[in-house]
Amino acid sequence: MSGHSKWATTKHKKAVVDARRGKLFARLIKNIEVAARMGGGDVNGNPTLYDAMQKARKNSVPLDNIERAVKRGSGAEAGGADWQTIMYEGYGPNGVALLVECLTDNRNRAATDVRVALTRNGGSMADPGSVSYMFTRKGVVIVAKADGVSEDDILMVVLDAGAEEVNDLGESFEIVSEATDMVGVRKAVQGAGMDYESAEATFLPSVSVDLDEDGARKLFRLIEALEDSDDVQNVYANFDVSDDVMEAVG
């Protein structure tokens, strides 16, 4: 898991500063729209919207864009799309299992994009249920590191709120809980005066495939191809890579 988490964190940081920033913004705006549509536009009564807006702010999405997304999603302003969440399953190089989460207004386009990205990059589509059993829905809160705050300090703050484990990702801590406990964990972090970077439900693998440098390069190329689709919101994969491999791949 550690390699996977570090890879996700590194990729996320890169996305903020490179040419893919526009795609990241679009994904974050979609999340806000959907959260507002599902739970209303009041952040005080909609923790999912609160966290979606927090993540957008942390990634420098302009406030006007965030506010318009809330209005579109809640129906206060016209123009909101009918986003549907669809999960596709597949396999990548070295037998790595993939869950591809799409947020789309065109199911056929999304399915085609996912299939083409997989088949052109050494992967394949899988039957529903053949991959998803290897993943568990979890809540993940990312907390920025602060001077003098250790892994044990974080654990003491969040343990009673339902946290299951705390992982050191280098420049931040990852707090894992049941998805239903995530908001409580996030509130415990805030109550302790700590700054959190993101809080969201995600899929974590129960078993992982170790990848060497060649396998990692092939898999990362596939995941980038999947994420080039505007319909793809998240890609989850059950791989692990060592720090040496991460450094070699860059």
C-alpha atoms as a PDB file:
ATOM      1  CA  MET A   1       0.000   0.000   0.000  1.00  0.00           C
ATOM      2  CA  SER A   2       2.797   2.435   0.837  1.00  0.00           C
ATOM      3  CA  GLY A   3       4.136   2.502  -2.705  1.00  0.00           C
ATOM      4  CA  HIS A   4       0.663   2.941  -4.115  1.00  0.00           C
ATOM      5  CA  SER A   5      -0.102   5.794  -1.713  1.00  0.00           C
ATOM      6  CA  LYS A   6       3.169   7.566  -2.414  1.00  0.00           C
ATOM      7  CA  TRP A   7       2.600   7.212  -6.130  1.00  0.00           C
ATOM      8  CA  ALA A   8      -0.893   8.705  -5.808  1.00  0.00           C
ATOM      9  CA  THR A   9       0.432  11.603  -3.748  1.00  0.00           C
ATOM     10  CA  THR A  10       3.295  12.293  -6.177  1.00  0.00           C
ATOM     11  CA  LYS A  11       0.973  12.110  -9.179  1.00  0.00           C
ATOM     12  CA  HIS A  12      -1.494  14.452  -7.494  1.00  0.00           C
ATOM     13  CA  LYS A  13       1.185  17.067  -6.806  1.00  0.00           C
ATOM     14  CA  LYS A  14       2.428  16.880 -10.379  1.00  0.00           C
ATOM     15  CA  ALA A  15      -1.098  17.314 -11.721  1.00  0.00           C
ATOM     16  CA  VAL A  16      -1.463  20.634  -9.949  1.00  0.00           C
ATOM     17  CA  VAL A  17       1.519  22.245 -11.639  1.00  0.00           C
ATOM     18  CA  ASP A  18       1.690  20.723 -15.113  1.00  0.00           C
ATOM     19  CA  ALA A  19      -0.371  21.031 -18.268  1.00  0.00           C
ATOM     20  CA  ARG A  20      -3.014  18.624 -16.933  1.00  0.00           C
ATOM     21  CA  ARG A  21      -4.142  21.211 -14.404  1.00  0.00           C
ATOM     22  CA  GLY A  22      -7.214  22.035 -16.487  1.00  0.00           C
ATOM     23  CA  LYS A  23      -8.359  18.409 -16.332  1.00  0.00           C
ATOM     24  CA  LEU A  24      -7.852  18.325 -12.572  1.00  0.00           C
ATOM     25  CA  PHE A  25      -9.952  21.482 -12.203  1.00  0.00           C
ATOM     26  CA  ALA A  26     -12.725  19.941 -14.324  1.00  0.00           C
ATOM     27  CA  ARG A  27     -12.795  16.789 -12.147  1.00  0.00           C
ATOM     28  CA  LEU A  28     -12.954  18.804  -8.937  1.00  0.00           C
ATOM     29  CA  ILE A  29     -15.774  20.975 -10.317  1.00  0.00           C
ATOM     30  CA  LYS A  30     -17.718  17.834 -11.300  1.00  0.00           C
ATOM     31  CA  ASN A  31     -17.359  16.504  -7.759  1.00  0.00           C
ATOM     32  CA  ILE A  32     -18.778  19.735  -6.366  1.00  0.00           C
ATOM     33  CA  GLU A  33     -21.728  19.713  -8.773  1.00  0.00           C
ATOM     34  CA  VAL A  34     -22.625  16.121  -7.926  1.00  0.00           C
ATOM     35  CA  ALA A  35     -22.250  16.661  -4.180  1.00  0.00           C
ATOM     36  CA  ALA A  36     -24.523  19.735  -4.334  1.00  0.00           C
ATOM     37  CA  ARG A  37     -27.101  17.859  -6.409  1.00  0.00           C
ATOM     38  CA  MET A  38     -27.143  14.877  -4.051  1.00  0.00           C
ATOM     39  CA  GLY A  39     -27.133  16.723  -0.728  1.00  0.00           C
ATOM     40  CA  GLY A  40     -28.031  20.348  -1.420  1.00  0.00           C
ATOM     41  CA  GLY A  41     -25.968  23.516  -1.609  1.00  0.00           C
ATOM     42  CA  ASP A  42     -25.634  24.174   2.141  1.00  0.00           C
ATOM     43  CA  VAL A  43     -22.169  23.046   3.257  1.00  0.00           C
ATOM     44  CA  ASN A  44     -23.250  22.960   6.898  1.00  0.00           C
ATOM     45  CA  GLY A  45     -25.639  20.122   6.141  1.00  0.00           C
ATOM     46  CA  ASN A  46     -23.654  18.474   3.358  1.00  0.00           C
ATOM     47  CA  PRO A  47     -20.228  17.201   4.484  1.00  0.00           C
ATOM     48  CA  THR A  48     -19.532  15.660   1.060  1.00  0.00           C
ATOM     49  CA  LEU A  49     -19.903  19.098  -0.519  1.00  0.00           C
ATOM     50  CA  TYR A  50     -17.750  20.622   2.227  1.00  0.00           C
ATOM     51  CA  ASP A  51     -14.901  18.204   1.472  1.00  0.00           C
ATOM     52  CA  ALA A  52     -15.270  18.579  -2.309  1.00  0.00           C
ATOM     53  CA  MET A  53     -15.007  22.357  -1.979  1.00  0.00           C
ATOM     54  CA  GLN A  54     -12.052  22.054   0.413  1.00  0.00           C
ATOM     55  CA  LYS A  55     -10.158  19.889  -2.064  1.00  0.00           C
ATOM     56  CA  ALA A  56     -10.883  22.334  -4.886  1.00  0.00           C
ATOM     57  CA  ARG A  57      -9.649  25.274  -2.793  1.00  0.00           C
ATOM     58  CA  LYS A  58      -6.485  23.371  -1.848  1.00  0.00           C
ATOM     59  CA  ASN A  59      -5.822  22.885  -5.565  1.00  0.00           C
ATOM     60  CA  SER A  60      -6.276  26.584  -6.359  1.00  0.00           C
ATOM     61  CA  VAL A  61      -9.584  26.289  -8.228  1.00  0.00           C
ATOM     62  CA  PRO A  62     -10.909  29.877  -8.453  1.00  0.00           C
ATOM     63  CA  LEU A  63     -13.624  30.686  -5.914  1.00  0.00           C
ATOM     64  CA  ASP A  64     -16.017  31.878  -8.649  1.00  0.00           C
ATOM     65  CA  ASN A  65     -15.788  28.469 -10.357  1.00  0.00           C
ATOM     66  CA  ILE A  66     -16.489  26.706  -7.065  1.00  0.00           C
ATOM     67  CA  GLU A  67     -19.501  28.880  -6.264  1.00  0.00           C
ATOM     68  CA  ARG A  68     -20.977  28.458  -9.763  1.00  0.00           C
ATOM     69  CA  ALA A  69     -20.568  24.689  -9.516  1.00  0.00           C
ATOM     70  CA  VAL A  70     -22.503  24.675  -6.231  1.00  0.00           C
ATOM     71  CA  LYS A  71     -25.278  26.746  -7.814  1.00  0.00           C
ATOM     72  CA  ARG A  72     -25.486  24.491 -10.889  1.00  0.00           C
ATOM     73  CA  GLY A  73     -25.540  21.356  -8.791  1.00  0.00           C
ATOM     74  CA  SER A  74     -28.154  22.631  -6.339  1.00  0.00           C
ATOM     75  CA  GLY A  75     -30.374  23.965  -9.130  1.00  0.00           C
ATOM     76  CA  ALA A  76     -29.944  27.623  -8.150  1.00  0.00           C
ATOM     77  CA  GLU A  77     -28.399  28.264 -11.571  1.00  0.00           C
ATOM     78  CA  ALA A  78     -29.123  26.588 -14.921  1.00  0.00           C
ATOM     79  CA  GLY A  79     -26.571  24.539 -16.807  1.00  0.00           C
ATOM     80  CA  GLY A  80     -25.851  21.569 -14.549  1.00  0.00           C
ATOM     81  CA  ALA A  81     -25.258  18.304 -16.406  1.00  0.00           C
ATOM     82  CA  ASP A  82     -26.914  15.014 -15.508  1.00  0.00           C
ATOM     83  CA  TRP A  83     -23.736  13.306 -14.306  1.00  0.00           C
ATOM     84  CA  GLN A  84     -23.870   9.542 -13.813  1.00  0.00           C
ATOM     85  CA  THR A  85     -21.302   7.510 -11.911  1.00  0.00           C
ATOM     86  CA  ILE A  86     -20.216   4.320 -13.686  1.00  0.00           C
ATOM     87  CA  MET A  87     -17.529   1.904 -12.531  1.00  0.00           C
ATOM     88  CA  TYR A  88     -15.620  -0.158 -15.096  1.00  0.00           C
ATOM     89  CA  GLU A  89     -13.349  -3.052 -14.202  1.00  0.00           C
ATOM     90  CA  GLY A  90     -10.231  -4.148 -16.020  1.00  0.00           C
ATOM     91  CA  TYR A  91      -6.740  -5.574 -15.932  1.00  0.00           C
ATOM     92  CA  GLY A  92      -3.475  -3.828 -16.677  1.00  0.00           C
ATOM     93  CA  PRO A  93       0.058  -5.090 -17.384  1.00  0.00           C
ATOM     94  CA  ASN A  94       1.359  -7.758 -14.954  1.00  0.00           C
ATOM     95  CA  GLY A  95      -2.228  -8.671 -14.034  1.00  0.00           C
ATOM     96  CA  VAL A  96      -2.814  -5.490 -12.031  1.00  0.00           C
ATOM     97  CA  ALA A  97      -6.512  -5.072 -11.222  1.00  0.00           C
ATOM     98  CA  LEU A  98      -8.130  -1.765 -12.153  1.00  0.00           C
ATOM     99  CA  LEU A  99     -11.299   0.038 -11.112  1.00  0.00           C
ATOM    100  CA  VAL A 100     -12.080   2.966 -13.402  1.00  0.00           C
ATOM    101  CA  GLU A 101     -14.622   5.395 -11.961  1.00  0.00           C
ATOM    102  CA  CYS A 102     -16.348   7.595 -14.527  1.00  0.00           C
ATOM    103  CA  LEU A 103     -18.549  10.618 -13.990  1.00  0.00           C
ATOM    104  CA  THR A 104     -20.228  11.182 -17.342  1.00  0.00           C
ATOM    105  CA  ASP A 105     -23.263  12.447 -19.198  1.00  0.00           C
ATOM    106  CA  ASN A 106     -22.668   9.941 -22.021  1.00  0.00           C
ATOM    107  CA  ARG A 107     -22.301   6.282 -21.034  1.00  0.00           C
ATOM    108  CA  ASN A 108     -21.370   5.096 -24.531  1.00  0.00           C
ATOM    109  CA  ARG A 109     -18.550   7.633 -24.864  1.00  0.00           C
ATOM    110  CA  ALA A 110     -17.187   6.753 -21.432  1.00  0.00           C
ATOM    111  CA  ALA A 111     -17.209   3.001 -22.147  1.00  0.00           C
ATOM    112  CA  THR A 112     -15.469   3.512 -25.485  1.00  0.00           C
ATOM    113  CA  ASP A 113     -12.781   5.756 -23.988  1.00  0.00           C
ATOM    114  CA  VAL A 114     -12.028   3.252 -21.223  1.00  0.00           C
ATOM    115  CA  ARG A 115     -11.921   0.271 -23.578  1.00  0.00           C
ATOM    116  CA  VAL A 116      -9.631   2.015 -26.079  1.00  0.00           C
ATOM    117  CA  ALA A 117      -7.224   3.215 -23.378  1.00  0.00           C
ATOM    118  CA  LEU A 118      -6.994  -0.282 -21.914  1.00  0.00           C
ATOM    119  CA  THR A 119      -6.525  -2.205 -25.161  1.00  0.00           C
ATOM    120  CA  ARG A 120      -3.942   0.245 -26.544  1.00  0.00           C
ATOM    121  CA  ASN A 121      -1.813   0.059 -23.412  1.00  0.00           C
ATOM    122  CA  GLY A 122      -1.595  -3.642 -22.620  1.00  0.00           C
ATOM    123  CA  GLY A 123      -4.804  -3.897 -20.615  1.00  0.00           C
ATOM    124  CA  SER A 124      -8.262  -5.378 -21.063  1.00  0.00           C
ATOM    125  CA  MET A 125     -11.812  -4.911 -19.845  1.00  0.00           C
ATOM    126  CA  ALA A 126     -13.047  -7.334 -17.168  1.00  0.00           C
ATOM    127  CA  ASP A 127     -16.516  -8.643 -16.342  1.00  0.00           C
ATOM    128  CA  PRO A 128     -18.411  -6.805 -13.579  1.00  0.00           C
ATOM    129  CA  GLY A 129     -17.454  -8.224 -10.179  1.00  0.00           C
ATOM    130  CA  SER A 130     -14.281  -9.952 -11.347  1.00  0.00           C
ATOM    131  CA  VAL A 131     -12.038  -7.152 -10.019  1.00  0.00           C
ATOM    132  CA  SER A 132     -14.094  -5.135  -7.535  1.00  0.00           C
ATOM    133  CA  TYR A 133     -13.918  -7.846  -4.832  1.00  0.00           C
ATOM    134  CA  MET A 134     -10.190  -7.068  -4.473  1.00  0.00           C
ATOM    135  CA  PHE A 135     -10.956  -3.514  -3.306  1.00  0.00           C
ATOM    136  CA  THR A 136     -12.627  -2.128  -0.181  1.00  0.00           C
ATOM    137  CA  ARG A 137     -14.411   1.206   0.105  1.00  0.00           C
ATOM    138  CA  LYS A 138     -12.550   3.295   2.687  1.00  0.00           C
ATOM    139  CA  GLY A 139     -12.370   6.877   3.897  1.00  0.00           C
ATOM    140  CA  VAL A 140      -8.995   8.563   3.475  1.00  0.00           C
ATOM    141  CA  VAL A 141      -8.034  11.855   5.107  1.00  0.00           C
ATOM    142  CA  ILE A 142      -4.711  13.436   4.116  1.00  0.00           C
ATOM    143  CA  VAL A 143      -3.117  15.678   6.746  1.00  0.00           C
ATOM    144  CA  ALA A 144      -0.166  17.953   6.001  1.00  0.00           C
ATOM    145  CA  LYS A 145       2.873  17.352   8.181  1.00  0.00           C
ATOM    146  CA  ALA A 146       3.572  19.919  10.887  1.00  0.00           C
ATOM    147  CA  ASP A 147       6.656  20.419  13.039  1.00  0.00           C
ATOM    148  CA  GLY A 148       6.640  18.197  16.095  1.00  0.00           C
ATOM    149  CA  VAL A 149       3.587  16.175  15.040  1.00  0.00           C
ATOM    150  CA  SER A 150       4.267  12.435  14.765  1.00  0.00           C
ATOM    151  CA  GLU A 151       2.327   9.477  13.411  1.00  0.00           C
ATOM    152  CA  ASP A 152       1.418   8.533  16.995  1.00  0.00           C
ATOM    153  CA  ASP A 153       0.182  12.068  17.703  1.00  0.00           C
ATOM    154  CA  ILE A 154      -2.169  11.858  14.716  1.00  0.00           C
ATOM    155  CA  LEU A 155      -3.375   8.407  15.765  1.00  0.00           C
ATOM    156  CA  MET A 156      -4.237   9.606  19.270  1.00  0.00           C
ATOM    157  CA  VAL A 157      -6.368  12.402  17.787  1.00  0.00           C
ATOM    158  CA  VAL A 158      -8.354  10.228  15.370  1.00  0.00           C
ATOM    159  CA  LEU A 159      -8.530   6.796  17.035  1.00  0.00           C
ATOM    160  CA  ASP A 160     -11.782   7.431  18.901  1.00  0.00           C
ATOM    161  CA  ALA A 161     -13.333   8.849  15.711  1.00  0.00           C
ATOM    162  CA  GLY A 162     -12.975   5.506  13.935  1.00  0.00           C
ATOM    163  CA  ALA A 163      -9.535   5.686  12.309  1.00  0.00           C
ATOM    164  CA  GLU A 164      -8.032   2.285  11.503  1.00  0.00           C
ATOM    165  CA  GLU A 165      -4.468   3.240  10.592  1.00  0.00           C
ATOM    166  CA  VAL A 166      -2.164   6.180   9.946  1.00  0.00           C
ATOM    167  CA  ASN A 167       0.486   5.990   7.214  1.00  0.00           C
ATOM    168  CA  ASP A 168       3.480   8.282   6.745  1.00  0.00           C
ATOM    169  CA  LEU A 169       3.587   9.358   3.074  1.00  0.00           C
ATOM    170  CA  GLY A 170       6.698  11.509   3.420  1.00  0.00           C
ATOM    171  CA  GLU A 171       5.270  15.025   3.331  1.00  0.00           C
ATOM    172  CA  SER A 172       1.842  14.147   4.707  1.00  0.00           C
ATOM    173  CA  PHE A 173      -0.043  11.570   6.766  1.00  0.00           C
ATOM    174  CA  GLU A 174      -2.760   9.323   5.381  1.00  0.00           C
ATOM    175  CA  ILE A 175      -5.548   8.388   7.807  1.00  0.00           C
ATOM    176  CA  VAL A 176      -7.616   5.367   6.763  1.00  0.00           C
ATOM    177  CA  SER A 177     -11.062   4.588   8.172  1.00  0.00           C
ATOM    178  CA  GLU A 178     -14.352   3.051   7.168  1.00  0.00           C
ATOM    179  CA  ALA A 179     -15.997   5.317   4.601  1.00  0.00           C
ATOM    180  CA  THR A 180     -18.842   5.982   7.053  1.00  0.00           C
ATOM    181  CA  ASP A 181     -16.366   7.229   9.706  1.00  0.00           C
ATOM    182  CA  MET A 182     -14.470   9.600   7.415  1.00  0.00           C
ATOM    183  CA  VAL A 183     -16.374  12.778   8.306  1.00  0.00           C
ATOM    184  CA  GLY A 184     -15.888  12.062  12.016  1.00  0.00           C
ATOM    185  CA  VAL A 185     -12.158  11.552  11.453  1.00  0.00           C
ATOM    186  CA  ARG A 186     -11.917  14.765   9.472  1.00  0.00           C
ATOM    187  CA  LYS A 187     -13.743  16.690  12.207  1.00  0.00           C
ATOM    188  CA  ALA A 188     -11.395  15.236  14.836  1.00  0.00           C
ATOM    189  CA  VAL A 189      -8.422  16.480  12.801  1.00  0.00           C
ATOM    190  CA  GLN A 190      -9.981  19.938  12.533  1.00  0.00           C
ATOM    191  CA  GLY A 191     -10.878  19.933  16.223  1.00  0.00           C
ATOM    192  CA  ALA A 192      -7.212  19.369  17.063  1.00  0.00           C
ATOM    193  CA  GLY A 193      -6.286  22.438  15.020  1.00  0.00           C
ATOM    194  CA  MET A 194      -4.598  20.450  12.253  1.00  0.00           C
ATOM    195  CA  ASP A 195      -4.738  21.340   8.572  1.00  0.00           C
ATOM    196  CA  TYR A 196      -6.154  18.635   6.326  1.00  0.00           C
ATOM    197  CA  GLU A 197      -5.529  18.509   2.582  1.00  0.00           C
ATOM    198  CA  SER A 198      -8.369  16.237   1.500  1.00  0.00           C
ATOM    199  CA  ALA A 199     -11.019  13.863   2.803  1.00  0.00           C
ATOM    200  CA  GLU A 200     -12.758  11.479   0.442  1.00  0.00           C
ATOM    201  CA  ALA A 201     -14.079   7.985   0.036  1.00  0.00           C
ATOM    202  CA  THR A 202     -11.806   5.834  -2.084  1.00  0.00           C
ATOM    203  CA  PHE A 203     -11.123   2.202  -2.980  1.00  0.00           C
ATOM    204  CA  LEU A 204      -8.089   0.554  -1.396  1.00  0.00           C
ATOM    205  CA  PRO A 205      -6.778  -2.834  -2.557  1.00  0.00           C
ATOM    206  CA  SER A 206      -6.852  -5.823  -0.207  1.00  0.00           C
ATOM    207  CA  VAL A 207      -4.021  -7.534  -2.130  1.00  0.00           C
ATOM    208  CA  SER A 208      -1.254  -5.879  -4.149  1.00  0.00           C
ATOM    209  CA  VAL A 209       0.964  -6.789  -7.106  1.00  0.00           C
ATOM    210  CA  ASP A 210       4.625  -5.807  -6.747  1.00  0.00           C
ATOM    211  CA  LEU A 211       5.938  -4.073  -9.869  1.00  0.00           C
ATOM    212  CA  ASP A 212       9.469  -3.666 -11.149  1.00  0.00           C
ATOM    213  CA  GLU A 213      10.567  -0.593 -13.100  1.00  0.00           C
ATOM    214  CA  ASP A 214       9.368  -1.887 -16.469  1.00  0.00           C
ATOM    215  CA  GLY A 215       6.000  -2.960 -15.081  1.00  0.00           C
ATOM    216  CA  ALA A 216       5.549   0.362 -13.292  1.00  0.00           C
ATOM    217  CA  ARG A 217       6.285   2.355 -16.452  1.00  0.00           C
ATOM    218  CA  LYS A 218       3.744   0.340 -18.439  1.00  0.00           C
ATOM    219  CA  LEU A 219       1.068   0.656 -15.761  1.00  0.00           C
ATOM    220  CA  PHE A 220       1.585   4.401 -15.236  1.00  0.00           C
ATOM    221  CA  ARG A 221       1.347   4.890 -19.023  1.00  0.00           C
ATOM    222  CA  LEU A 222      -1.976   3.019 -19.017  1.00  0.00           C
ATOM    223  CA  ILE A 223      -3.357   5.019 -16.083  1.00  0.00           C
ATOM    224  CA  GLU A 224      -2.370   8.297 -17.752  1.00  0.00           C
ATOM    225  CA  ALA A 225      -4.160   7.176 -20.928  1.00  0.00           C
ATOM    226  CA  LEU A 226      -7.292   6.414 -18.910  1.00  0.00           C
ATOM    227  CA  GLU A 227      -7.127   9.774 -17.131  1.00  0.00           C
ATOM    228  CA  ASP A 228      -6.848  11.591 -20.453  1.00  0.00           C
ATOM    229  CA  SER A 229     -10.574  10.898 -20.880  1.00  0.00           C
ATOM    230  CA  ASP A 230     -12.737  13.747 -19.608  1.00  0.00           C
ATOM    231  CA  ASP A 231     -15.202  11.140 -18.331  1.00  0.00           C
ATOM    232  CA  VAL A 232     -12.704   9.321 -16.090  1.00  0.00           C
ATOM    233  CA  GLN A 233     -12.809  10.679 -12.547  1.00  0.00           C
ATOM    234  CA  ASN A 234     -10.596   8.211 -10.640  1.00  0.00           C
ATOM    235  CA  VAL A 235      -8.466   5.155 -11.371  1.00  0.00           C
ATOM    236  CA  TYR A 236      -7.804   2.635  -8.579  1.00  0.00           C
ATOM    237  CA  ALA A 237      -5.189  -0.106  -8.999  1.00  0.00           C
ATOM    238  CA  ASN A 238      -3.853  -2.866  -6.750  1.00  0.00           C
ATOM    239  CA  PHE A 239      -0.129  -2.423  -7.273  1.00  0.00           C
ATOM    240  CA  ASP A 240       2.808  -1.649  -5.045  1.00  0.00           C
ATOM    241  CA  VAL A 241       6.167  -0.176  -6.000  1.00  0.00           C
ATOM    242  CA  SER A 242       9.299   0.274  -3.943  1.00  0.00           C
ATOM    243  CA  ASP A 243      10.842   3.685  -3.305  1.00  0.00           C
ATOM    244  CA  ASP A 244      13.732   2.709  -5.618  1.00  0.00           C
ATOM    245  CA  VAL A 245      11.345   1.950  -8.463  1.00  0.00           C
ATOM    246  CA  MET A 246       9.428   5.179  -7.860  1.00  0.00           C
ATOM    247  CA  GLU A 247      12.690   7.129  -8.033  1.00  0.00           C
ATOM    248  CA  ALA A 248      13.778   5.351 -11.218  1.00  0.00           C
ATOM    249  CA  VAL A 249      10.439   5.956 -12.928  1.00  0.00           C
ATOM    250  CA  GLY A 250      10.535   9.600 -11.849  1.00  0.00           C
END
